[in-house]
């Protein structure tokens, strides 16, 4: 038995690796539509790139059929536990934070008796709190 592909039959294009907007335009231009879109973190692809599609490229579908996409959110956000920095030299404290992508804000105040200048007196957030990549930590340094 031979089945016809039909007049309205379209070949699904390969969308994997394309940005989401480009995929939407490609589908619209050939007469297919965007179906469900799901997002997941990806270590391999930047945010907004198509990771998978259903149906796969090369399959024939009818005009107006939906194509479902899996889209990258980019690298997962890193969350750390705020270390104890009080008492460390400012250079060591800032190095620890900057090495993991955390920003540092510094302010200075007179060191209390017995404390050395250039040492962390206070930190915000405090030790043990969650700390997200690209977040800013405020350090008070003795002068």
N, C-alpha and C. Protein backbone atom coordinates (compact mmCIF):
# COMPACT_ATOMS: atom_id res chain seq x y z
N UNK A 1 0.84 -1.17 0.00
CA UNK A 1 0.00 0.00 0.00
C UNK A 1 0.89 1.24 0.00
N UNK A 2 0.58 2.21 -0.79
CA UNK A 2 1.36 3.44 -0.91
C UNK A 2 0.54 4.60 -0.37
N UNK A 3 1.14 5.33 0.56
CA UNK A 3 0.46 6.49 1.14
C UNK A 3 1.06 7.76 0.57
N UNK A 4 0.24 8.71 0.21
CA UNK A 4 0.70 9.99 -0.31
C UNK A 4 1.12 10.89 0.84
N UNK A 5 2.16 11.65 0.62
CA UNK A 5 2.58 12.63 1.62
C UNK A 5 1.59 13.79 1.66
N UNK A 6 0.80 13.95 0.63
CA UNK A 6 -0.21 15.00 0.59
C UNK A 6 0.36 16.32 0.15
N UNK A 7 -0.54 17.19 -0.30
CA UNK A 7 -0.10 18.48 -0.82
C UNK A 7 0.38 19.42 0.28
N UNK A 8 -0.21 19.35 1.47
CA UNK A 8 0.17 20.27 2.54
C UNK A 8 1.33 19.77 3.37
N UNK A 9 2.01 18.74 2.93
CA UNK A 9 3.09 18.14 3.70
C UNK A 9 4.35 19.01 3.63
N UNK A 10 4.93 19.27 4.80
CA UNK A 10 6.14 20.09 4.90
C UNK A 10 7.23 19.33 5.62
N UNK A 11 8.47 19.57 5.22
CA UNK A 11 9.59 18.95 5.92
C UNK A 11 9.99 19.82 7.11
N UNK A 12 10.10 19.20 8.28
CA UNK A 12 10.49 19.92 9.49
C UNK A 12 11.98 20.29 9.38
N UNK A 13 12.30 21.58 9.52
CA UNK A 13 13.71 21.99 9.42
C UNK A 13 14.49 21.64 10.69
N UNK A 14 15.80 21.62 10.59
CA UNK A 14 16.66 21.44 11.76
C UNK A 14 16.76 22.78 12.48
N UNK A 15 16.35 22.79 13.74
CA UNK A 15 16.37 24.01 14.53
C UNK A 15 17.40 23.96 15.65
N UNK A 16 17.95 22.80 15.90
CA UNK A 16 18.91 22.62 17.00
C UNK A 16 20.13 23.52 16.78
N UNK A 17 20.47 24.29 17.81
CA UNK A 17 21.61 25.21 17.74
C UNK A 17 21.21 26.63 17.40
N UNK A 18 20.00 26.81 16.86
CA UNK A 18 19.53 28.15 16.50
C UNK A 18 19.02 28.90 17.73
N UNK A 19 19.05 30.23 17.69
CA UNK A 19 18.38 31.00 18.74
C UNK A 19 16.87 30.79 18.63
N UNK A 20 16.16 30.92 19.74
CA UNK A 20 14.72 30.70 19.75
C UNK A 20 14.00 31.60 18.75
N UNK A 21 14.34 32.88 18.71
CA UNK A 21 13.66 33.80 17.79
C UNK A 21 13.83 33.38 16.33
N UNK A 22 15.01 32.95 15.96
CA UNK A 22 15.27 32.49 14.59
C UNK A 22 14.42 31.26 14.29
N UNK A 23 14.31 30.35 15.25
CA UNK A 23 13.51 29.14 15.08
C UNK A 23 12.04 29.51 14.87
N UNK A 24 11.53 30.46 15.66
CA UNK A 24 10.15 30.91 15.52
C UNK A 24 9.89 31.46 14.12
N UNK A 25 10.82 32.28 13.64
CA UNK A 25 10.67 32.86 12.30
C UNK A 25 10.73 31.79 11.22
N UNK A 26 11.66 30.85 11.36
CA UNK A 26 11.80 29.77 10.37
C UNK A 26 10.51 28.95 10.28
N UNK A 27 9.96 28.61 11.43
CA UNK A 27 8.72 27.83 11.44
C UNK A 27 7.57 28.60 10.81
N UNK A 28 7.44 29.86 11.16
CA UNK A 28 6.38 30.71 10.62
C UNK A 28 6.49 30.84 9.11
N UNK A 29 7.70 31.02 8.61
CA UNK A 29 7.91 31.22 7.17
C UNK A 29 7.53 30.00 6.35
N UNK A 30 7.67 28.81 6.91
CA UNK A 30 7.35 27.61 6.11
C UNK A 30 5.95 27.06 6.41
N UNK A 31 5.24 27.71 7.35
CA UNK A 31 3.87 27.29 7.60
C UNK A 31 3.68 26.35 8.77
N UNK A 32 4.69 26.20 9.60
CA UNK A 32 4.56 25.43 10.83
C UNK A 32 4.46 26.42 11.98
N UNK A 33 4.10 25.93 13.15
CA UNK A 33 3.99 26.85 14.29
C UNK A 33 4.76 26.31 15.48
N UNK A 34 5.08 27.23 16.37
CA UNK A 34 5.79 26.88 17.59
C UNK A 34 4.83 26.20 18.54
N UNK A 35 5.23 25.06 19.07
CA UNK A 35 4.42 24.34 20.04
C UNK A 35 4.88 24.67 21.45
N UNK A 36 5.03 23.65 22.26
CA UNK A 36 5.48 23.83 23.64
C UNK A 36 6.96 24.17 23.66
N UNK A 37 7.33 25.04 24.58
CA UNK A 37 8.73 25.40 24.77
C UNK A 37 9.08 25.13 26.22
N UNK A 38 10.12 24.31 26.43
CA UNK A 38 10.61 24.01 27.78
C UNK A 38 12.04 24.52 27.88
N UNK A 39 12.42 24.96 29.07
CA UNK A 39 13.76 25.51 29.29
C UNK A 39 14.51 24.66 30.31
N UNK A 40 15.80 24.44 30.05
CA UNK A 40 16.67 23.72 30.98
C UNK A 40 18.04 24.39 31.00
N UNK A 41 18.77 24.29 32.12
CA UNK A 41 20.15 24.79 32.13
C UNK A 41 21.01 23.93 31.19
N UNK A 42 22.04 24.54 30.65
CA UNK A 42 22.96 23.82 29.76
C UNK A 42 24.38 24.32 29.97
N UNK A 43 25.29 23.39 30.13
CA UNK A 43 26.71 23.75 30.22
C UNK A 43 27.32 23.93 28.84
N UNK A 44 26.67 23.36 27.81
CA UNK A 44 27.23 23.36 26.46
C UNK A 44 26.74 24.50 25.57
N UNK A 45 25.52 24.94 25.79
CA UNK A 45 24.93 25.95 24.90
C UNK A 45 24.59 27.22 25.67
N UNK A 46 24.77 28.37 25.02
CA UNK A 46 24.39 29.62 25.68
C UNK A 46 22.87 29.71 25.82
N UNK A 47 22.42 30.63 26.62
CA UNK A 47 20.98 30.84 26.81
C UNK A 47 20.32 31.15 25.48
N UNK A 48 19.07 30.68 25.33
CA UNK A 48 18.22 30.96 24.19
C UNK A 48 18.53 30.10 22.95
N UNK A 49 19.37 29.09 23.08
CA UNK A 49 19.67 28.20 21.94
C UNK A 49 18.82 26.94 22.03
N UNK A 50 18.39 26.45 20.88
CA UNK A 50 17.58 25.23 20.82
C UNK A 50 18.47 24.03 21.07
N UNK A 51 18.08 23.19 22.04
CA UNK A 51 18.83 21.97 22.39
C UNK A 51 18.24 20.74 21.72
N UNK A 52 16.91 20.71 21.56
CA UNK A 52 16.24 19.56 20.94
C UNK A 52 14.90 20.02 20.40
N UNK A 53 14.37 19.22 19.50
CA UNK A 53 13.08 19.54 18.90
C UNK A 53 12.29 18.25 18.69
N UNK A 54 10.96 18.40 18.66
CA UNK A 54 10.08 17.26 18.39
C UNK A 54 8.92 17.76 17.54
N UNK A 55 8.74 17.21 16.36
CA UNK A 55 9.47 16.10 15.77
C UNK A 55 10.85 16.52 15.27
N UNK A 56 11.66 15.52 15.03
CA UNK A 56 13.03 15.75 14.56
C UNK A 56 13.05 16.34 13.15
N UNK A 57 14.18 16.93 12.78
CA UNK A 57 14.36 17.48 11.44
C UNK A 57 14.19 16.38 10.39
N UNK A 58 13.61 16.74 9.27
CA UNK A 58 13.44 15.81 8.15
C UNK A 58 12.10 15.10 8.15
N UNK A 59 11.41 15.08 9.27
CA UNK A 59 10.09 14.46 9.35
C UNK A 59 9.10 15.34 8.60
N UNK A 60 8.09 14.74 7.99
CA UNK A 60 7.09 15.51 7.27
C UNK A 60 5.88 15.76 8.17
N UNK A 61 5.39 16.97 8.14
CA UNK A 61 4.22 17.37 8.93
C UNK A 61 3.29 18.20 8.05
N UNK A 62 2.07 18.35 8.51
CA UNK A 62 1.07 19.14 7.78
C UNK A 62 1.22 20.62 8.13
N UNK A 63 0.84 21.46 7.20
CA UNK A 63 0.87 22.91 7.43
C UNK A 63 0.08 23.22 8.70
N UNK A 64 0.67 24.09 9.56
CA UNK A 64 0.02 24.48 10.80
C UNK A 64 0.34 23.59 11.98
N UNK A 65 1.02 22.46 11.75
CA UNK A 65 1.39 21.58 12.86
C UNK A 65 2.41 22.28 13.77
N UNK A 66 2.42 21.86 15.03
CA UNK A 66 3.30 22.47 16.02
C UNK A 66 4.61 21.69 16.16
N UNK A 67 5.67 22.43 16.41
CA UNK A 67 7.00 21.86 16.68
C UNK A 67 7.37 22.27 18.10
N UNK A 68 7.63 21.28 18.96
CA UNK A 68 7.99 21.52 20.36
C UNK A 68 9.51 21.68 20.47
N UNK A 69 9.93 22.58 21.35
CA UNK A 69 11.37 22.88 21.48
C UNK A 69 11.83 22.80 22.93
N UNK A 70 13.08 22.38 23.08
CA UNK A 70 13.78 22.41 24.36
C UNK A 70 14.87 23.47 24.21
N UNK A 71 14.84 24.49 25.08
CA UNK A 71 15.70 25.66 24.93
C UNK A 71 16.63 25.80 26.14
N UNK A 72 17.86 26.19 25.87
CA UNK A 72 18.85 26.38 26.93
C UNK A 72 18.58 27.64 27.74
N UNK A 73 18.73 27.53 29.05
CA UNK A 73 18.72 28.70 29.93
C UNK A 73 20.15 29.21 30.14
N UNK A 74 21.12 28.52 29.56
CA UNK A 74 22.52 28.86 29.78
C UNK A 74 23.05 28.09 30.97
N UNK A 75 24.21 28.48 31.42
CA UNK A 75 24.82 27.76 32.54
C UNK A 75 24.00 27.95 33.80
N UNK A 76 23.90 26.90 34.60
CA UNK A 76 23.13 27.03 35.83
C UNK A 76 23.77 28.05 36.78
N UNK A 77 22.93 28.74 37.51
CA UNK A 77 23.43 29.72 38.48
C UNK A 77 24.17 28.99 39.59
N UNK A 78 25.30 29.51 39.94
CA UNK A 78 26.07 28.91 41.04
C UNK A 78 25.71 29.60 42.34
N UNK A 79 25.52 28.80 43.37
CA UNK A 79 25.23 29.32 44.69
C UNK A 79 26.26 28.74 45.65
N UNK A 80 26.86 29.61 46.43
CA UNK A 80 27.89 29.22 47.39
C UNK A 80 27.39 29.50 48.80
N UNK A 81 28.13 29.02 49.76
CA UNK A 81 27.87 29.36 51.16
C UNK A 81 28.88 30.44 51.53
N UNK A 82 28.39 31.53 52.08
CA UNK A 82 29.27 32.65 52.43
C UNK A 82 30.30 32.19 53.46
N UNK A 83 31.59 32.34 53.14
CA UNK A 83 32.63 31.94 54.09
C UNK A 83 32.82 32.99 55.19
N UNK A 84 33.51 32.61 56.22
CA UNK A 84 33.88 33.53 57.30
C UNK A 84 35.09 34.32 56.83
N UNK A 85 34.92 35.62 56.66
CA UNK A 85 36.00 36.47 56.16
C UNK A 85 36.55 37.42 57.21
N UNK A 86 35.84 37.58 58.30
CA UNK A 86 36.29 38.50 59.34
C UNK A 86 37.64 38.04 59.89
N UNK A 87 38.58 38.99 59.97
CA UNK A 87 39.92 38.67 60.44
C UNK A 87 40.91 38.40 59.33
N UNK A 88 40.42 38.20 58.09
CA UNK A 88 41.33 37.98 56.96
C UNK A 88 41.82 39.31 56.40
N UNK A 89 43.00 39.27 55.80
CA UNK A 89 43.51 40.44 55.10
C UNK A 89 42.59 40.73 53.92
N UNK A 90 42.36 42.01 53.61
CA UNK A 90 41.44 42.40 52.56
C UNK A 90 41.81 41.75 51.22
N UNK A 91 43.10 41.63 50.92
CA UNK A 91 43.54 41.04 49.66
C UNK A 91 43.09 39.58 49.56
N UNK A 92 43.25 38.83 50.66
CA UNK A 92 42.85 37.41 50.68
C UNK A 92 41.34 37.28 50.56
N UNK A 93 40.59 38.08 51.29
CA UNK A 93 39.13 38.02 51.27
C UNK A 93 38.59 38.35 49.89
N UNK A 94 39.07 39.43 49.29
CA UNK A 94 38.57 39.80 47.96
C UNK A 94 38.96 38.76 46.92
N UNK A 95 40.15 38.20 47.02
CA UNK A 95 40.58 37.16 46.09
C UNK A 95 39.67 35.94 46.16
N UNK A 96 39.32 35.49 47.36
CA UNK A 96 38.42 34.35 47.53
C UNK A 96 37.08 34.59 46.85
N UNK A 97 36.55 35.78 47.01
CA UNK A 97 35.24 36.10 46.45
C UNK A 97 35.29 36.29 44.94
N UNK A 98 36.26 37.05 44.48
CA UNK A 98 36.35 37.34 43.05
C UNK A 98 36.67 36.09 42.23
N UNK A 99 37.38 35.13 42.81
CA UNK A 99 37.72 33.89 42.10
C UNK A 99 36.48 33.06 41.75
N UNK A 100 35.38 33.26 42.47
CA UNK A 100 34.15 32.51 42.17
C UNK A 100 33.09 33.41 41.53
N UNK A 101 33.48 34.60 41.10
CA UNK A 101 32.56 35.47 40.37
C UNK A 101 31.67 36.34 41.23
N UNK A 102 32.07 36.57 42.47
CA UNK A 102 31.30 37.42 43.38
C UNK A 102 31.96 38.79 43.41
N UNK A 103 31.14 39.83 43.38
CA UNK A 103 31.65 41.21 43.44
C UNK A 103 31.89 41.61 44.88
N UNK A 104 32.79 42.56 45.06
CA UNK A 104 33.14 43.01 46.41
C UNK A 104 33.00 44.51 46.50
N UNK A 105 32.27 44.96 47.53
CA UNK A 105 32.17 46.38 47.85
C UNK A 105 32.93 46.61 49.14
N UNK A 106 33.78 47.62 49.17
CA UNK A 106 34.61 47.89 50.34
C UNK A 106 34.27 49.23 50.97
N UNK A 107 34.27 49.24 52.28
CA UNK A 107 34.22 50.50 53.02
C UNK A 107 35.24 50.39 54.13
N UNK A 108 35.69 51.53 54.61
CA UNK A 108 36.75 51.53 55.64
C UNK A 108 36.28 52.31 56.87
N UNK A 109 36.77 51.86 57.99
CA UNK A 109 36.53 52.57 59.25
C UNK A 109 37.73 52.33 60.15
N UNK A 110 37.90 53.15 61.15
CA UNK A 110 39.04 52.95 62.04
C UNK A 110 39.00 51.56 62.69
N UNK A 111 40.15 50.93 62.73
CA UNK A 111 40.23 49.60 63.35
C UNK A 111 40.13 49.75 64.87
N UNK A 112 39.40 48.85 65.53
CA UNK A 112 39.32 48.92 67.00
C UNK A 112 40.67 48.59 67.62
N UNK A 113 40.87 48.92 68.88
CA UNK A 113 42.14 48.62 69.53
C UNK A 113 42.47 47.13 69.42
N UNK A 114 43.68 46.84 69.07
CA UNK A 114 44.14 45.46 68.95
C UNK A 114 43.93 44.85 67.57
N UNK A 115 43.16 45.50 66.71
CA UNK A 115 42.93 44.99 65.35
C UNK A 115 43.93 45.63 64.39
N UNK A 116 44.33 44.86 63.39
CA UNK A 116 45.28 45.37 62.39
C UNK A 116 44.54 46.11 61.29
N UNK A 117 45.19 47.10 60.72
CA UNK A 117 44.64 47.79 59.56
C UNK A 117 44.67 46.83 58.37
N UNK A 118 43.72 46.99 57.42
CA UNK A 118 43.69 46.15 56.22
C UNK A 118 43.06 44.79 56.44
N UNK A 119 42.38 44.63 57.59
CA UNK A 119 41.74 43.35 57.91
C UNK A 119 40.22 43.54 57.87
N UNK A 120 39.50 42.48 57.44
CA UNK A 120 38.04 42.52 57.39
C UNK A 120 37.48 42.57 58.81
N UNK A 121 36.69 43.62 59.09
CA UNK A 121 36.06 43.78 60.40
C UNK A 121 34.62 43.25 60.39
N UNK A 122 33.93 43.43 59.26
CA UNK A 122 32.54 42.99 59.12
C UNK A 122 32.33 42.52 57.69
N UNK A 123 31.31 41.67 57.52
CA UNK A 123 30.94 41.21 56.19
C UNK A 123 29.42 41.11 56.10
N UNK A 124 28.89 41.42 54.92
CA UNK A 124 27.47 41.27 54.64
C UNK A 124 27.34 40.64 53.27
N UNK A 125 26.71 39.51 53.13
CA UNK A 125 25.97 38.75 54.15
C UNK A 125 26.91 38.06 55.13
N UNK A 126 26.35 37.64 56.26
CA UNK A 126 27.18 36.97 57.26
C UNK A 126 27.56 35.54 56.85
N UNK A 127 28.51 34.99 57.55
CA UNK A 127 28.97 33.61 57.32
C UNK A 127 27.78 32.65 57.31
N UNK A 128 27.80 31.71 56.33
CA UNK A 128 26.78 30.67 56.26
C UNK A 128 25.59 31.00 55.38
N UNK A 129 25.43 32.26 54.98
CA UNK A 129 24.30 32.62 54.12
C UNK A 129 24.56 32.19 52.69
N UNK A 130 23.49 31.94 51.90
CA UNK A 130 23.68 31.63 50.48
C UNK A 130 24.23 32.85 49.75
N UNK A 131 25.10 32.59 48.80
CA UNK A 131 25.77 33.65 48.04
C UNK A 131 25.74 33.26 46.58
N UNK A 132 25.08 34.06 45.77
CA UNK A 132 24.95 33.76 44.34
C UNK A 132 26.07 34.40 43.55
N UNK A 133 26.43 33.71 42.48
CA UNK A 133 27.41 34.25 41.55
C UNK A 133 26.94 35.63 41.08
N UNK A 134 27.84 36.57 40.95
CA UNK A 134 27.60 37.96 40.53
C UNK A 134 26.92 38.81 41.60
N UNK A 135 26.65 38.24 42.77
CA UNK A 135 26.11 39.03 43.88
C UNK A 135 27.24 39.89 44.44
N UNK A 136 26.89 40.95 45.16
CA UNK A 136 27.90 41.81 45.77
C UNK A 136 27.96 41.57 47.28
N UNK A 137 29.17 41.37 47.78
CA UNK A 137 29.42 41.22 49.21
C UNK A 137 30.02 42.53 49.69
N UNK A 138 29.54 43.01 50.82
CA UNK A 138 30.07 44.24 51.40
C UNK A 138 31.03 43.88 52.53
N UNK A 139 32.25 44.40 52.43
CA UNK A 139 33.26 44.18 53.46
C UNK A 139 33.64 45.52 54.09
N UNK A 140 33.72 45.53 55.42
CA UNK A 140 34.22 46.70 56.15
C UNK A 140 35.64 46.37 56.56
N UNK A 141 36.55 47.25 56.17
CA UNK A 141 37.98 47.03 56.38
C UNK A 141 38.50 48.05 57.40
N UNK A 142 39.33 47.58 58.30
CA UNK A 142 39.95 48.48 59.28
C UNK A 142 41.04 49.31 58.62
N UNK A 143 41.10 50.59 59.02
CA UNK A 143 42.18 51.44 58.49
C UNK A 143 43.04 51.96 59.62
